[in-house]
Protein backbone atom coordinates (compact mmCIF):
# COMPACT_ATOMS: atom_id res chain seq x y z
CA UNK A 1 94.75 74.02 93.00
CA UNK A 2 94.13 72.23 96.30
CA UNK A 3 93.53 74.56 99.24
CA UNK A 4 94.24 74.09 102.92
CA UNK A 5 91.17 73.41 105.07
CA UNK A 6 91.67 76.68 106.95
CA UNK A 7 91.45 78.65 103.70
CA UNK A 8 88.41 76.69 102.48
CA UNK A 9 86.60 77.62 105.69
CA UNK A 10 86.61 81.30 104.65
CA UNK A 11 84.21 80.64 101.75
CA UNK A 12 80.41 80.45 101.91
CA UNK A 13 79.03 77.00 102.78
CA UNK A 14 78.33 75.75 99.24
CA UNK A 15 81.75 76.58 97.82
CA UNK A 16 83.47 75.49 101.04
CA UNK A 17 81.87 72.04 100.83
CA UNK A 18 82.74 71.57 97.16
CA UNK A 19 86.36 72.56 97.79
CA UNK A 20 86.70 70.36 100.89
CA UNK A 21 85.08 67.39 99.11
CA UNK A 22 87.43 67.96 96.13
CA UNK A 23 84.45 68.27 93.77
CA UNK A 24 86.06 71.38 92.32
CA UNK A 25 89.42 73.13 92.48
CA UNK A 26 90.23 76.77 91.89
CA UNK A 27 92.33 77.26 88.73
CA UNK A 28 96.13 77.40 89.03
CA UNK A 29 95.91 81.01 87.80
CA UNK A 30 93.96 82.04 90.92
CA UNK A 31 95.58 84.84 92.89
CA UNK A 32 95.21 85.23 96.65
CA UNK A 33 97.60 88.18 96.94
CA UNK A 34 97.09 91.01 94.47
CA UNK A 35 96.61 94.74 94.13
CA UNK A 36 93.04 96.05 94.04
CA UNK A 37 91.40 95.73 90.62
CA UNK A 38 88.74 98.16 89.37
CA UNK A 39 85.89 96.18 87.80
CA UNK A 40 82.49 96.89 86.33
CA UNK A 41 79.47 94.63 86.60
CA UNK A 42 75.78 94.74 85.83
CA UNK A 43 73.31 94.61 88.71
CA UNK A 44 69.57 94.09 88.50
CA UNK A 45 67.66 97.33 89.04
CA UNK A 46 64.48 98.73 87.58
CA UNK A 47 64.78 102.01 85.71
CA UNK A 48 63.73 104.05 88.77
CA UNK A 49 65.60 101.94 91.37
CA UNK A 50 68.81 103.54 92.62
CA UNK A 51 69.16 101.52 95.82
CA UNK A 52 72.67 100.95 97.15
CA UNK A 53 74.71 97.96 96.08
CA UNK A 54 74.26 95.07 98.50
CA UNK A 55 75.42 91.48 98.91
CA UNK A 56 72.42 90.27 96.86
CA UNK A 57 74.10 91.95 93.87
CA UNK A 58 77.08 89.62 94.36
CA UNK A 59 75.56 86.20 94.02
CA UNK A 60 77.19 83.65 91.75
CA UNK A 61 75.31 81.93 88.95
CA UNK A 62 75.13 78.89 91.24
CA UNK A 63 73.52 80.90 94.06
CA UNK A 64 71.05 82.42 91.57
CA UNK A 65 70.22 79.02 90.07
CA UNK A 66 71.19 80.30 86.61
CA UNK A 67 73.53 79.10 83.90
CA UNK A 68 75.82 81.25 81.78
CA UNK A 69 75.07 81.58 78.09
CA UNK A 70 77.01 79.13 75.92
CA UNK A 71 77.02 78.69 72.16
CA UNK A 72 74.24 76.48 70.84
CA UNK A 73 75.22 72.81 70.80
CA UNK A 74 77.98 73.22 73.41
CA UNK A 75 77.51 71.13 76.54
CA UNK A 76 79.31 72.04 79.72
CA UNK A 77 79.06 70.72 83.27
CA UNK A 78 78.95 74.02 85.13
CA UNK A 79 78.83 72.29 88.51
CA UNK A 80 82.47 71.24 87.93
CA UNK A 81 83.58 74.72 86.78
CA UNK A 82 84.91 76.82 89.69
CA UNK A 83 84.06 80.04 87.82
CA UNK A 84 80.38 79.11 88.16
CA UNK A 85 80.72 79.77 91.92
CA UNK A 86 82.46 83.14 91.55
CA UNK A 87 81.27 86.64 90.77
CA UNK A 88 82.06 88.23 87.40
CA UNK A 89 83.42 91.66 86.73
CA UNK A 90 85.05 93.24 83.71
CA UNK A 91 88.02 95.57 83.39
CA UNK A 92 86.18 97.71 80.83
CA UNK A 93 82.66 99.02 81.27
CA UNK A 94 82.10 98.82 77.51
CA UNK A 95 82.23 95.02 77.74
CA UNK A 96 79.45 95.02 80.33
CA UNK A 97 77.43 97.44 78.21
CA UNK A 98 77.75 95.14 75.21
CA UNK A 99 77.12 91.84 77.04
CA UNK A 100 74.12 93.20 78.94
CA UNK A 101 72.65 95.22 76.07
CA UNK A 102 72.90 98.62 77.76
CA UNK A 103 70.95 100.75 78.07
CA UNK A 104 68.91 98.04 79.74
CA UNK A 105 65.72 98.89 81.66
CA UNK A 106 66.34 96.00 84.09
CA UNK A 107 70.03 96.58 84.82
CA UNK A 108 72.41 99.27 85.99
CA UNK A 109 76.21 99.45 85.93
CA UNK A 110 78.16 99.15 89.18
CA UNK A 111 81.86 99.79 89.70
CA UNK A 112 84.23 98.97 92.54
CA UNK A 113 87.38 97.17 93.53
CA UNK A 114 88.05 93.47 93.78
CA UNK A 115 90.44 93.19 96.73
CA UNK A 116 92.40 90.34 98.28
CA UNK A 117 90.80 90.55 101.74
CA UNK A 118 87.45 89.90 100.02
CA UNK A 119 88.64 86.69 98.37
CA UNK A 120 90.83 85.28 95.62
CA UNK A 121 90.45 86.25 91.97
CA UNK A 122 91.28 84.91 88.53
CA UNK A 123 91.77 87.44 85.74
CA UNK A 124 91.46 86.46 82.09
CA UNK A 125 93.34 89.32 80.43
CA UNK A 126 92.31 88.30 76.92
CA UNK A 127 88.61 88.53 77.81
CA UNK A 128 89.14 91.39 80.31
CA UNK A 129 87.15 89.26 82.79
CA UNK A 130 87.71 88.92 86.53
CA UNK A 131 86.22 86.04 88.51
CA UNK A 132 86.12 86.83 92.22
CA UNK A 133 85.39 84.13 94.79
CA UNK A 134 84.08 86.09 97.73
CA UNK A 135 84.85 85.03 101.25
CA UNK A 136 81.88 84.73 103.57
CA UNK A 137 80.85 88.19 104.82
CA UNK A 138 83.11 90.03 102.36
CA UNK A 139 82.59 93.79 102.39
CA UNK A 140 81.28 95.02 99.03
CA UNK A 141 80.34 98.50 100.27
CA UNK A 142 83.01 100.04 98.02
CA UNK A 143 80.90 99.20 94.95
CA UNK A 144 78.60 101.96 93.72
CA UNK A 145 76.12 102.41 90.92
CA UNK A 146 77.75 104.39 88.12
CA UNK A 147 75.04 107.02 88.54
CA UNK A 148 76.34 107.58 92.11
CA UNK A 149 79.97 108.12 91.09
């Protein structure tokens, strides 16, 4: 999906450049107008760390310099995959618990709403996964650690 320049300018610099240079495109299933979606995601916290959710908890794999796990022997060019630049959440907390081996001494569960003013999203219903491409300066203050809810 090709985006207008004005819309591309809402994204952080790295994603903005890749979209403007047509290095990547958001999938055709991407939604810009949608109802809020409750999602769960793991955030890095030590066992005794209950600090508030912050923008550092919403960095994409690209921003973290990490690569998602793929089956052995599978090669994938993540730099061409738009999901690599988005933030993951799941519709069911049990999926996060399973994927992140909860209880996990280095992670805690966060919950909050993906919302259209924060950026477009792509939901994979089969996998119960939501990819959210955050606009620059999106407000994530509605996300809380599950212990705080």
